């Protein structure tokens, strides 16, 4: 039985060191790359060789998030399995990945109760095309913030902070056109009833700030 070839991407160096050691100790895993940087994980040769990638959802400021990284990897190797590893709400994957592309995507919660055997099992099953992703609530049942992708929320957050689109593009390592597209999509969610006399950007920013305040207040309960 051939070992499953894995790319591991984790922002936290301490966790990356621990998990790297555990994966290397497993006879069922061949770790071909471990890094905390998205651009290093996009190494074409590593992606070509890999069966599956274990990716942190939040890769830190100035980098694409784990979901976008997984989608980018799929463009180079459409057979690579993607496992998103996070302590955050993992139903984000179901909202962000097109349904037709979800085959071979799985999620893995970061938990102190998780054994390396569980991680290895999920990696090997996902490499074979198994999918395990929490379902997403219907669109009508979700708040405007929940209907936005992580990148759209990041773009809106920086826009609300007064950062211009060119600087947003630089910080997120995406094109200016991608920023404009994310803003347009976010505006449609935040201001569905736009009127001709409205300042769309201003209304969207005010709505976004109000929603994030409500979200923070609920989290504090």
Protein backbone atom coordinates (compact mmCIF):
# COMPACT_ATOMS: atom_id res chain seq x y z
CA UNK A 1 0.00 0.00 0.00
CA UNK A 2 1.53 3.28 -1.16
CA UNK A 3 1.81 6.10 1.37
CA UNK A 4 -0.46 9.11 0.77
CA UNK A 5 1.58 12.10 -0.39
CA UNK A 6 0.69 15.24 1.55
CA UNK A 7 1.28 19.00 1.33
CA UNK A 8 0.82 20.63 4.75
CA UNK A 9 0.18 24.38 5.08
CA UNK A 10 -0.17 25.87 8.58
CA UNK A 11 0.28 29.48 9.70
CA UNK A 12 1.12 28.66 13.34
CA UNK A 13 4.79 27.56 13.47
CA UNK A 14 4.37 25.67 16.75
CA UNK A 15 1.43 23.63 15.50
CA UNK A 16 3.14 23.16 12.15
CA UNK A 17 6.18 21.70 13.88
CA UNK A 18 4.12 19.29 15.97
CA UNK A 19 1.91 18.11 13.11
CA UNK A 20 4.87 17.81 10.74
CA UNK A 21 6.60 15.48 13.18
CA UNK A 22 3.46 13.37 13.66
CA UNK A 23 2.81 13.08 9.93
CA UNK A 24 6.42 12.13 9.25
CA UNK A 25 6.17 9.38 11.86
CA UNK A 26 3.17 7.81 10.12
CA UNK A 27 3.91 4.90 7.77
CA UNK A 28 0.75 5.82 5.82
CA UNK A 29 1.87 9.37 4.99
CA UNK A 30 4.65 10.77 2.81
CA UNK A 31 5.00 14.46 3.67
CA UNK A 32 6.38 16.16 0.57
CA UNK A 33 6.04 19.80 1.70
CA UNK A 34 5.32 21.61 4.99
CA UNK A 35 5.13 25.40 4.97
CA UNK A 36 3.36 28.40 6.46
CA UNK A 37 3.35 30.36 3.20
CA UNK A 38 0.71 30.09 0.51
CA UNK A 39 3.09 30.94 -2.33
CA UNK A 40 5.44 28.13 -1.29
CA UNK A 41 2.53 25.70 -1.21
CA UNK A 42 1.80 26.55 -4.85
CA UNK A 43 5.02 24.87 -5.97
CA UNK A 44 3.96 23.16 -9.24
CA UNK A 45 6.05 20.03 -8.75
CA UNK A 46 4.79 19.48 -5.19
CA UNK A 47 1.17 19.92 -6.31
CA UNK A 48 1.70 17.51 -9.20
CA UNK A 49 3.02 14.84 -6.83
CA UNK A 50 0.59 15.36 -3.95
CA UNK A 51 -2.49 13.24 -3.31
CA UNK A 52 -3.95 15.63 -0.75
CA UNK A 53 -3.25 18.97 0.96
CA UNK A 54 -3.92 19.73 4.63
CA UNK A 55 -4.45 23.49 4.78
CA UNK A 56 -5.01 25.97 7.61
CA UNK A 57 -8.09 28.10 6.89
CA UNK A 58 -6.61 31.39 8.17
CA UNK A 59 -3.09 31.75 6.78
CA UNK A 60 -2.43 35.22 8.15
CA UNK A 61 -2.38 38.79 6.91
CA UNK A 62 -1.29 39.35 3.35
CA UNK A 63 -1.94 35.76 2.23
CA UNK A 64 -4.85 34.08 0.51
CA UNK A 65 -7.00 31.99 2.84
CA UNK A 66 -6.93 28.21 2.90
CA UNK A 67 -10.01 27.79 0.72
CA UNK A 68 -8.64 30.05 -2.02
CA UNK A 69 -5.32 28.21 -1.78
CA UNK A 70 -7.11 24.88 -2.19
CA UNK A 71 -8.96 26.18 -5.24
CA UNK A 72 -5.67 27.42 -6.71
CA UNK A 73 -4.09 23.99 -6.16
CA UNK A 74 -7.02 22.35 -7.92
CA UNK A 75 -6.27 24.44 -11.02
CA UNK A 76 -2.87 22.74 -11.23
CA UNK A 77 -3.99 19.25 -10.17
CA UNK A 78 -7.70 18.57 -10.39
CA UNK A 79 -7.28 15.26 -8.54
CA UNK A 80 -5.67 16.65 -5.39
CA UNK A 81 -7.78 16.27 -2.27
CA UNK A 82 -8.18 19.33 -0.04
CA UNK A 83 -8.62 19.14 3.75
CA UNK A 84 -9.29 22.47 5.48
CA UNK A 85 -8.00 22.47 9.06
CA UNK A 86 -9.45 25.14 11.35
CA UNK A 87 -10.99 26.05 14.69
CA UNK A 88 -13.34 28.44 12.88
CA UNK A 89 -16.77 27.73 11.36
CA UNK A 90 -16.05 25.03 8.82
CA UNK A 91 -19.34 25.42 6.96
CA UNK A 92 -17.52 28.31 5.26
CA UNK A 93 -16.16 25.68 2.87
CA UNK A 94 -19.65 24.76 1.67
CA UNK A 95 -20.41 28.43 1.07
CA UNK A 96 -17.17 29.19 -0.76
CA UNK A 97 -16.53 26.17 -2.97
CA UNK A 98 -18.85 25.59 -5.97
CA UNK A 99 -20.96 22.46 -5.32
CA UNK A 100 -19.66 20.78 -8.46
CA UNK A 101 -16.09 21.18 -7.17
CA UNK A 102 -16.70 19.86 -3.63
CA UNK A 103 -15.74 16.26 -4.45
CA UNK A 104 -12.53 15.50 -2.60
CA UNK A 105 -12.89 18.38 -0.13
CA UNK A 106 -13.07 17.70 3.60
CA UNK A 107 -12.85 19.68 6.81
CA UNK A 108 -10.99 18.84 9.99
CA UNK A 109 -11.57 20.79 13.22
CA UNK A 110 -8.50 21.88 15.18
CA UNK A 111 -9.04 20.19 18.51
CA UNK A 112 -6.92 18.97 21.38
CA UNK A 113 -9.04 15.79 21.33
CA UNK A 114 -7.99 14.90 17.78
CA UNK A 115 -5.64 11.93 17.40
CA UNK A 116 -3.09 11.70 14.58
CA UNK A 117 -4.86 8.49 13.46
CA UNK A 118 -7.99 10.58 12.80
CA UNK A 119 -5.99 13.10 10.77
CA UNK A 120 -4.37 10.35 8.71
CA UNK A 121 -7.74 8.69 8.07
CA UNK A 122 -9.30 11.94 6.81
CA UNK A 123 -6.27 12.67 4.62
CA UNK A 124 -6.30 9.21 3.03
CA UNK A 125 -10.06 9.16 2.47
CA UNK A 126 -10.07 12.66 0.98
CA UNK A 127 -7.20 11.71 -1.33
CA UNK A 128 -9.49 8.98 -2.71
CA UNK A 129 -12.26 11.50 -3.45
CA UNK A 130 -14.22 11.21 -0.21
CA UNK A 131 -16.01 14.42 0.80
CA UNK A 132 -16.82 15.47 4.36
CA UNK A 133 -17.93 19.10 4.58
CA UNK A 134 -20.51 20.54 7.02
CA UNK A 135 -23.64 21.56 5.18
CA UNK A 136 -24.38 25.23 4.82
CA UNK A 137 -27.73 26.72 5.91
CA UNK A 138 -30.03 27.76 3.08
CA UNK A 139 -29.23 31.18 1.68
CA UNK A 140 -32.49 32.63 2.98
CA UNK A 141 -31.65 31.59 6.55
CA UNK A 142 -28.20 33.18 6.58
CA UNK A 143 -27.29 36.71 7.58
CA UNK A 144 -25.72 39.02 4.98
CA UNK A 145 -22.28 38.43 6.53
CA UNK A 146 -22.75 34.66 6.23
CA UNK A 147 -23.68 35.04 2.56
CA UNK A 148 -20.35 36.70 1.83
CA UNK A 149 -17.17 34.75 1.17
CA UNK A 150 -14.23 35.17 3.52
CA UNK A 151 -12.40 37.25 0.93
CA UNK A 152 -15.42 39.49 0.35
CA UNK A 153 -15.60 40.10 4.09
CA UNK A 154 -11.88 40.85 4.20
CA UNK A 155 -12.22 43.30 1.31
CA UNK A 156 -15.23 44.99 2.94
CA UNK A 157 -13.44 45.19 6.28
CA UNK A 158 -10.49 46.99 4.72
CA UNK A 159 -12.81 49.23 2.68
CA UNK A 160 -14.63 50.17 5.89
CA UNK A 161 -11.24 51.03 7.40
CA UNK A 162 -10.60 53.49 4.56
CA UNK A 163 -8.06 51.38 2.65
CA UNK A 164 -8.13 51.95 -1.11
CA UNK A 165 -8.65 49.09 -3.61
CA UNK A 166 -5.06 49.17 -4.85
CA UNK A 167 -3.72 48.64 -1.33
CA UNK A 168 -6.33 45.94 -0.64
CA UNK A 169 -5.17 44.11 -3.76
CA UNK A 170 -1.57 44.33 -2.59
CA UNK A 171 -2.34 43.05 0.91
CA UNK A 172 -4.42 40.12 -0.32
CA UNK A 173 -2.09 39.34 -3.23
CA UNK A 174 -4.94 39.51 -5.74
CA UNK A 175 -5.62 41.69 -8.77
CA UNK A 176 -7.33 45.07 -8.66
CA UNK A 177 -10.13 43.59 -10.81
CA UNK A 178 -10.63 40.82 -8.24
CA UNK A 179 -11.05 43.45 -5.52
CA UNK A 180 -13.64 45.27 -7.64
CA UNK A 181 -15.53 42.03 -8.25
CA UNK A 182 -15.53 41.19 -4.54
CA UNK A 183 -16.76 44.68 -3.68
CA UNK A 184 -19.55 44.46 -6.26
CA UNK A 185 -20.66 41.08 -4.89
CA UNK A 186 -20.53 42.36 -1.30
CA UNK A 187 -22.50 45.49 -2.22
CA UNK A 188 -25.27 43.33 -3.74
CA UNK A 189 -25.55 41.37 -0.50
CA UNK A 190 -25.32 44.35 1.85
CA UNK A 191 -27.54 46.74 -0.14
CA UNK A 192 -30.10 44.63 -2.02
CA UNK A 193 -32.54 47.56 -2.29
CA UNK A 194 -30.20 50.20 -3.71
CA UNK A 195 -31.87 53.40 -4.91
CA UNK A 196 -30.64 55.71 -7.70
CA UNK A 197 -29.85 58.48 -5.23
CA UNK A 198 -27.87 56.20 -2.88
CA UNK A 199 -24.14 56.37 -2.31
CA UNK A 200 -23.73 52.60 -2.69
CA UNK A 201 -20.27 52.39 -1.15
CA UNK A 202 -21.31 54.46 1.89
CA UNK A 203 -24.48 52.44 2.49
CA UNK A 204 -22.57 49.18 2.16
CA UNK A 205 -19.90 50.29 4.63
CA UNK A 206 -22.48 51.47 7.18
CA UNK A 207 -24.43 48.21 6.83
CA UNK A 208 -21.25 46.13 7.11
CA UNK A 209 -20.13 47.97 10.26
CA UNK A 210 -23.55 47.59 11.87
CA UNK A 211 -23.67 43.87 11.08
CA UNK A 212 -20.17 43.27 12.43
CA UNK A 213 -21.06 45.13 15.63
CA UNK A 214 -24.14 42.92 16.04
CA UNK A 215 -22.05 39.84 15.30
CA UNK A 216 -19.44 40.82 17.89
CA UNK A 217 -22.15 41.54 20.47
CA UNK A 218 -23.72 38.11 19.92
CA UNK A 219 -20.33 36.41 20.23
CA UNK A 220 -19.84 38.15 23.57
CA UNK A 221 -23.06 36.77 25.05
